[in-house]
């Protein structure tokens, strides 16, 4: 029972990750890491293919082995997140305007405290 569920979740995570390669606001790597997790429990060949992929493999492996985020990914994520926080400030009213900035601050603090590769 678990294997088909894990395989379906792996395919779903992989599909969302692939969509994230063309949609700028949808992250790719977290979904690929999720796909590897599910494929490790249901389809070892697909897990191996993701881990040995020339572009995605090193990023996934860095996270699995060291919980590290590539420096270029940190830099690429910082500006869009900051822009989102500023946009939230101008689009929301009252105390809600602080929420996007607080969420972004937590996300950036977490991200920048991870090791870099």
N, C-alpha and C. Protein backbone atom coordinates (compact mmCIF):
# COMPACT_ATOMS: atom_id res chain seq x y z
N UNK A 1 0.82 -1.20 0.00
CA UNK A 1 0.00 0.00 0.00
C UNK A 1 0.86 1.26 0.00
N UNK A 2 1.96 1.25 0.75
CA UNK A 2 2.78 2.44 0.86
C UNK A 2 3.52 2.76 -0.44
N UNK A 3 4.00 1.73 -1.12
CA UNK A 3 4.81 1.97 -2.32
C UNK A 3 4.04 2.76 -3.38
N UNK A 4 2.82 2.40 -3.72
CA UNK A 4 2.10 3.20 -4.71
C UNK A 4 1.85 4.64 -4.25
N UNK A 5 1.59 4.82 -2.97
CA UNK A 5 1.36 6.17 -2.46
C UNK A 5 2.65 6.98 -2.55
N UNK A 6 3.78 6.40 -2.12
CA UNK A 6 5.06 7.10 -2.21
C UNK A 6 5.42 7.41 -3.66
N UNK A 7 5.16 6.47 -4.54
CA UNK A 7 5.47 6.70 -5.95
C UNK A 7 4.60 7.83 -6.50
N UNK A 8 3.33 7.84 -6.17
CA UNK A 8 2.44 8.91 -6.64
C UNK A 8 2.88 10.26 -6.09
N UNK A 9 3.24 10.30 -4.81
CA UNK A 9 3.72 11.56 -4.22
C UNK A 9 5.03 11.99 -4.85
N UNK A 10 5.90 11.03 -5.18
CA UNK A 10 7.15 11.36 -5.86
C UNK A 10 6.91 11.94 -7.24
N UNK A 11 5.99 11.35 -7.98
CA UNK A 11 5.66 11.87 -9.31
C UNK A 11 5.05 13.26 -9.20
N UNK A 12 4.17 13.46 -8.22
CA UNK A 12 3.56 14.78 -8.01
C UNK A 12 4.63 15.82 -7.67
N UNK A 13 5.52 15.48 -6.74
CA UNK A 13 6.59 16.42 -6.36
C UNK A 13 7.50 16.71 -7.54
N UNK A 14 7.82 15.70 -8.32
CA UNK A 14 8.66 15.90 -9.50
C UNK A 14 7.96 16.80 -10.51
N UNK A 15 6.67 16.58 -10.73
CA UNK A 15 5.92 17.41 -11.68
C UNK A 15 5.89 18.87 -11.23
N UNK A 16 5.63 19.10 -9.94
CA UNK A 16 5.61 20.48 -9.44
C UNK A 16 7.00 21.09 -9.55
N UNK A 17 8.04 20.31 -9.25
CA UNK A 17 9.40 20.81 -9.39
C UNK A 17 9.73 21.18 -10.83
N UNK A 18 9.29 20.38 -11.78
CA UNK A 18 9.54 20.69 -13.18
C UNK A 18 8.77 21.93 -13.62
N UNK A 19 7.56 22.09 -13.13
CA UNK A 19 6.80 23.31 -13.42
C UNK A 19 7.53 24.52 -12.84
N UNK A 20 8.15 24.33 -11.68
CA UNK A 20 8.89 25.41 -11.04
C UNK A 20 10.10 25.88 -11.83
N UNK A 21 10.57 25.07 -12.78
CA UNK A 21 11.70 25.52 -13.60
C UNK A 21 11.29 26.61 -14.58
N UNK A 22 10.01 26.71 -14.88
CA UNK A 22 9.56 27.74 -15.82
C UNK A 22 8.71 28.82 -15.17
N UNK A 23 8.17 28.56 -13.99
CA UNK A 23 7.41 29.59 -13.27
C UNK A 23 8.32 30.24 -12.23
N UNK A 24 8.55 31.53 -12.34
CA UNK A 24 9.56 32.17 -11.49
C UNK A 24 9.26 32.17 -9.99
N UNK A 25 8.02 32.14 -9.57
CA UNK A 25 7.72 32.20 -8.14
C UNK A 25 7.55 30.84 -7.49
N UNK A 26 7.61 29.78 -8.28
CA UNK A 26 7.46 28.43 -7.74
C UNK A 26 8.84 27.80 -7.60
N UNK A 27 9.24 27.44 -6.39
CA UNK A 27 10.58 26.87 -6.22
C UNK A 27 10.68 25.48 -6.84
N UNK A 28 11.87 25.13 -7.26
CA UNK A 28 12.11 23.83 -7.88
C UNK A 28 12.73 22.84 -6.91
N UNK A 29 13.82 23.25 -6.29
CA UNK A 29 14.63 22.33 -5.50
C UNK A 29 13.87 21.66 -4.35
N UNK A 30 13.06 22.37 -3.56
CA UNK A 30 12.37 21.65 -2.47
C UNK A 30 11.48 20.52 -2.98
N UNK A 31 10.87 20.71 -4.12
CA UNK A 31 10.01 19.66 -4.66
C UNK A 31 10.84 18.50 -5.20
N UNK A 32 12.01 18.80 -5.77
CA UNK A 32 12.88 17.71 -6.23
C UNK A 32 13.45 16.93 -5.05
N UNK A 33 13.76 17.62 -3.96
CA UNK A 33 14.22 16.93 -2.75
C UNK A 33 13.10 16.03 -2.22
N UNK A 34 11.88 16.53 -2.24
CA UNK A 34 10.73 15.72 -1.83
C UNK A 34 10.56 14.51 -2.74
N UNK A 35 10.74 14.72 -4.04
CA UNK A 35 10.62 13.61 -4.99
C UNK A 35 11.66 12.54 -4.69
N UNK A 36 12.89 12.95 -4.40
CA UNK A 36 13.94 11.98 -4.06
C UNK A 36 13.55 11.20 -2.81
N UNK A 37 13.01 11.90 -1.83
CA UNK A 37 12.58 11.24 -0.59
C UNK A 37 11.55 10.14 -0.90
N UNK A 38 10.54 10.49 -1.68
CA UNK A 38 9.49 9.51 -1.98
C UNK A 38 9.99 8.40 -2.90
N UNK A 39 10.83 8.74 -3.88
CA UNK A 39 11.35 7.71 -4.77
C UNK A 39 12.32 6.77 -4.05
N UNK A 40 13.00 7.25 -3.02
CA UNK A 40 13.88 6.37 -2.24
C UNK A 40 13.07 5.25 -1.59
N UNK A 41 11.81 5.48 -1.36
CA UNK A 41 10.95 4.50 -0.71
C UNK A 41 10.06 3.74 -1.69
N UNK A 42 10.13 4.11 -2.98
CA UNK A 42 9.21 3.46 -3.91
C UNK A 42 9.83 3.10 -5.26
N UNK A 43 10.81 3.85 -5.72
CA UNK A 43 11.36 3.63 -7.05
C UNK A 43 12.84 4.04 -7.06
N UNK A 44 13.74 3.15 -6.62
CA UNK A 44 15.16 3.50 -6.51
C UNK A 44 15.79 3.98 -7.81
N UNK A 45 15.33 3.50 -8.94
CA UNK A 45 15.89 3.95 -10.22
C UNK A 45 15.61 5.43 -10.46
N UNK A 46 14.42 5.88 -10.16
CA UNK A 46 14.11 7.31 -10.34
C UNK A 46 14.87 8.15 -9.32
N UNK A 47 15.05 7.62 -8.12
CA UNK A 47 15.87 8.33 -7.12
C UNK A 47 17.28 8.51 -7.65
N UNK A 48 17.86 7.43 -8.19
CA UNK A 48 19.22 7.49 -8.73
C UNK A 48 19.31 8.49 -9.87
N UNK A 49 18.31 8.50 -10.73
CA UNK A 49 18.34 9.42 -11.87
C UNK A 49 18.31 10.87 -11.42
N UNK A 50 17.52 11.18 -10.40
CA UNK A 50 17.50 12.55 -9.89
C UNK A 50 18.83 12.91 -9.22
N UNK A 51 19.38 11.99 -8.45
CA UNK A 51 20.63 12.28 -7.74
C UNK A 51 21.83 12.39 -8.68
N UNK A 52 21.76 11.77 -9.85
CA UNK A 52 22.87 11.85 -10.80
C UNK A 52 22.61 12.84 -11.92
N UNK A 53 21.50 13.55 -11.86
CA UNK A 53 21.21 14.55 -12.89
C UNK A 53 22.30 15.62 -12.87
N UNK A 54 22.80 16.04 -14.05
CA UNK A 54 23.93 16.98 -14.06
C UNK A 54 23.65 18.34 -13.42
N UNK A 55 22.44 18.84 -13.51
CA UNK A 55 22.13 20.16 -12.93
C UNK A 55 21.51 20.05 -11.54
N UNK A 56 20.49 19.23 -11.40
CA UNK A 56 19.77 19.15 -10.13
C UNK A 56 20.48 18.26 -9.11
N UNK A 57 21.19 17.26 -9.56
CA UNK A 57 21.81 16.29 -8.67
C UNK A 57 22.72 16.89 -7.60
N UNK A 58 23.68 17.76 -7.99
CA UNK A 58 24.57 18.32 -6.96
C UNK A 58 23.84 19.15 -5.91
N UNK A 59 22.81 19.88 -6.31
CA UNK A 59 22.05 20.71 -5.36
C UNK A 59 21.28 19.81 -4.39
N UNK A 60 20.65 18.78 -4.92
CA UNK A 60 19.90 17.85 -4.08
C UNK A 60 20.85 17.12 -3.13
N UNK A 61 21.97 16.66 -3.66
CA UNK A 61 22.95 15.92 -2.84
C UNK A 61 23.52 16.82 -1.74
N UNK A 62 23.78 18.09 -2.04
CA UNK A 62 24.30 19.02 -1.02
C UNK A 62 23.31 19.16 0.13
N UNK A 63 22.02 19.21 -0.19
CA UNK A 63 21.02 19.33 0.87
C UNK A 63 20.93 18.04 1.68
N UNK A 64 20.88 16.90 0.99
CA UNK A 64 20.75 15.62 1.68
C UNK A 64 21.96 15.35 2.57
N UNK A 65 23.15 15.62 2.06
CA UNK A 65 24.37 15.29 2.80
C UNK A 65 24.73 16.32 3.87
N UNK A 66 24.53 17.61 3.58
CA UNK A 66 25.03 18.66 4.48
C UNK A 66 23.99 19.70 4.86
N UNK A 67 22.77 19.57 4.39
CA UNK A 67 21.74 20.60 4.56
C UNK A 67 22.28 21.95 4.12
N UNK A 68 22.97 21.95 2.98
CA UNK A 68 23.60 23.15 2.45
C UNK A 68 22.80 23.66 1.25
N UNK A 69 22.79 24.98 1.10
CA UNK A 69 22.10 25.65 -0.01
C UNK A 69 23.16 26.37 -0.82
N UNK A 70 23.17 26.20 -2.15
CA UNK A 70 24.17 26.90 -2.96
C UNK A 70 24.07 28.41 -2.79
N UNK A 71 25.22 29.07 -2.80
CA UNK A 71 25.26 30.51 -2.62
C UNK A 71 24.44 31.21 -3.70
N UNK A 72 24.53 30.74 -4.95
CA UNK A 72 23.77 31.39 -6.02
C UNK A 72 22.27 31.30 -5.76
N UNK A 73 21.80 30.22 -5.14
CA UNK A 73 20.38 30.08 -4.84
C UNK A 73 19.96 31.05 -3.75
N UNK A 74 20.82 31.23 -2.76
CA UNK A 74 20.53 32.20 -1.70
C UNK A 74 20.44 33.60 -2.28
N UNK A 75 21.40 33.94 -3.13
CA UNK A 75 21.41 35.27 -3.73
C UNK A 75 20.21 35.47 -4.64
N UNK A 76 19.87 34.44 -5.41
CA UNK A 76 18.74 34.55 -6.33
C UNK A 76 17.41 34.65 -5.60
N UNK A 77 17.30 34.09 -4.42
CA UNK A 77 16.05 34.12 -3.67
C UNK A 77 15.87 35.40 -2.86
N UNK A 78 16.95 36.04 -2.49
CA UNK A 78 16.87 37.19 -1.58
C UNK A 78 16.11 38.36 -2.19
N UNK A 79 16.44 38.75 -3.40
CA UNK A 79 15.79 39.92 -4.01
C UNK A 79 14.29 39.71 -4.23
N UNK A 80 13.86 38.61 -4.84
CA UNK A 80 12.41 38.43 -4.99
C UNK A 80 11.65 38.40 -3.67
N UNK A 81 12.25 37.80 -2.65
CA UNK A 81 11.58 37.78 -1.35
C UNK A 81 11.48 39.19 -0.77
N UNK A 82 12.54 39.96 -0.91
CA UNK A 82 12.52 41.34 -0.40
C UNK A 82 11.48 42.17 -1.16
N UNK A 83 11.41 41.99 -2.46
CA UNK A 83 10.41 42.71 -3.26
C UNK A 83 9.00 42.32 -2.82
N UNK A 84 8.80 41.05 -2.54
CA UNK A 84 7.49 40.60 -2.06
C UNK A 84 7.12 41.25 -0.74
N UNK A 85 8.08 41.36 0.15
CA UNK A 85 7.81 41.99 1.45
C UNK A 85 7.44 43.45 1.28
N UNK A 86 8.16 44.15 0.41
CA UNK A 86 7.85 45.57 0.17
C UNK A 86 6.48 45.70 -0.49
N UNK A 87 6.19 44.81 -1.44
CA UNK A 87 4.87 44.84 -2.07
C UNK A 87 3.76 44.61 -1.08
N UNK A 88 3.97 43.69 -0.15
CA UNK A 88 2.98 43.45 0.89
C UNK A 88 2.76 44.66 1.77
N UNK A 89 3.83 45.39 2.03
CA UNK A 89 3.73 46.61 2.85
C UNK A 89 2.77 47.61 2.21
N UNK A 90 2.86 47.76 0.89
CA UNK A 90 2.04 48.75 0.20
C UNK A 90 0.64 48.23 -0.14
N UNK A 91 0.46 46.92 -0.22
CA UNK A 91 -0.83 46.38 -0.63
C UNK A 91 -1.75 46.04 0.54
N UNK A 92 -1.19 45.87 1.71
CA UNK A 92 -2.00 45.48 2.87
C UNK A 92 -2.18 46.66 3.81
N UNK A 93 -3.24 46.60 4.58
CA UNK A 93 -3.54 47.70 5.50
C UNK A 93 -3.40 47.24 6.94
N UNK A 94 -3.25 48.21 7.81
CA UNK A 94 -3.21 47.94 9.24
C UNK A 94 -2.05 47.05 9.63
N UNK A 95 -2.27 46.25 10.66
CA UNK A 95 -1.18 45.40 11.15
C UNK A 95 -0.79 44.29 10.17
N UNK A 96 -1.68 43.99 9.21
CA UNK A 96 -1.38 42.94 8.23
C UNK A 96 -0.18 43.29 7.36
N UNK A 97 0.13 44.57 7.24
CA UNK A 97 1.24 44.97 6.38
C UNK A 97 2.58 44.49 6.92
N UNK A 98 2.64 44.14 8.20
CA UNK A 98 3.89 43.64 8.79
C UNK A 98 4.11 42.15 8.53
N UNK A 99 3.05 41.43 8.22
CA UNK A 99 3.13 39.98 8.08
C UNK A 99 4.09 39.53 6.96
N UNK A 100 3.99 40.07 5.75
CA UNK A 100 4.93 39.61 4.71
C UNK A 100 6.38 39.87 5.08
N UNK A 101 6.66 41.03 5.65
CA UNK A 101 8.05 41.34 6.03
C UNK A 101 8.53 40.39 7.12
N UNK A 102 7.67 40.07 8.06
CA UNK A 102 8.07 39.14 9.13
C UNK A 102 8.33 37.74 8.56
N UNK A 103 7.47 37.28 7.68
CA UNK A 103 7.66 35.96 7.08
C UNK A 103 8.94 35.91 6.24
N UNK A 104 9.16 36.96 5.47
CA UNK A 104 10.37 37.02 4.64
C UNK A 104 11.60 37.08 5.53
N UNK A 105 11.55 37.85 6.60
CA UNK A 105 12.70 37.94 7.51
C UNK A 105 13.03 36.57 8.10
N UNK A 106 12.02 35.83 8.50
CA UNK A 106 12.25 34.50 9.06
C UNK A 106 12.83 33.58 7.98
N UNK A 107 12.26 33.61 6.79
CA UNK A 107 12.74 32.75 5.70
C UNK A 107 14.18 33.07 5.33
N UNK A 108 14.49 34.36 5.20
CA UNK A 108 15.86 34.74 4.84
C UNK A 108 16.84 34.41 5.95
N UNK A 109 16.45 34.62 7.19
CA UNK A 109 17.34 34.28 8.30
C UNK A 109 17.63 32.78 8.31
N UNK A 110 16.60 31.99 8.11
CA UNK A 110 16.80 30.54 8.07
C UNK A 110 17.71 30.17 6.90
N UNK A 111 17.42 30.70 5.73
CA UNK A 111 18.17 30.35 4.53
C UNK A 111 19.64 30.74 4.65
N UNK A 112 19.90 31.96 5.11
CA UNK A 112 21.29 32.44 5.17
C UNK A 112 22.08 31.82 6.32
N UNK A 113 21.42 31.14 7.25
CA UNK A 113 22.17 30.45 8.30
C UNK A 113 22.49 29.01 7.93
N UNK A 114 21.99 28.53 6.79
CA UNK A 114 22.37 27.20 6.29
C UNK A 114 23.76 27.31 5.66
N UNK A 115 24.53 26.24 5.69
CA UNK A 115 25.83 26.26 5.02
C UNK A 115 25.66 26.50 3.52
N UNK A 116 26.66 27.10 2.91
CA UNK A 116 26.65 27.33 1.46
C UNK A 116 27.55 26.31 0.77
N UNK A 117 27.21 26.04 -0.48
CA UNK A 117 28.06 25.16 -1.28
C UNK A 117 28.67 25.94 -2.42
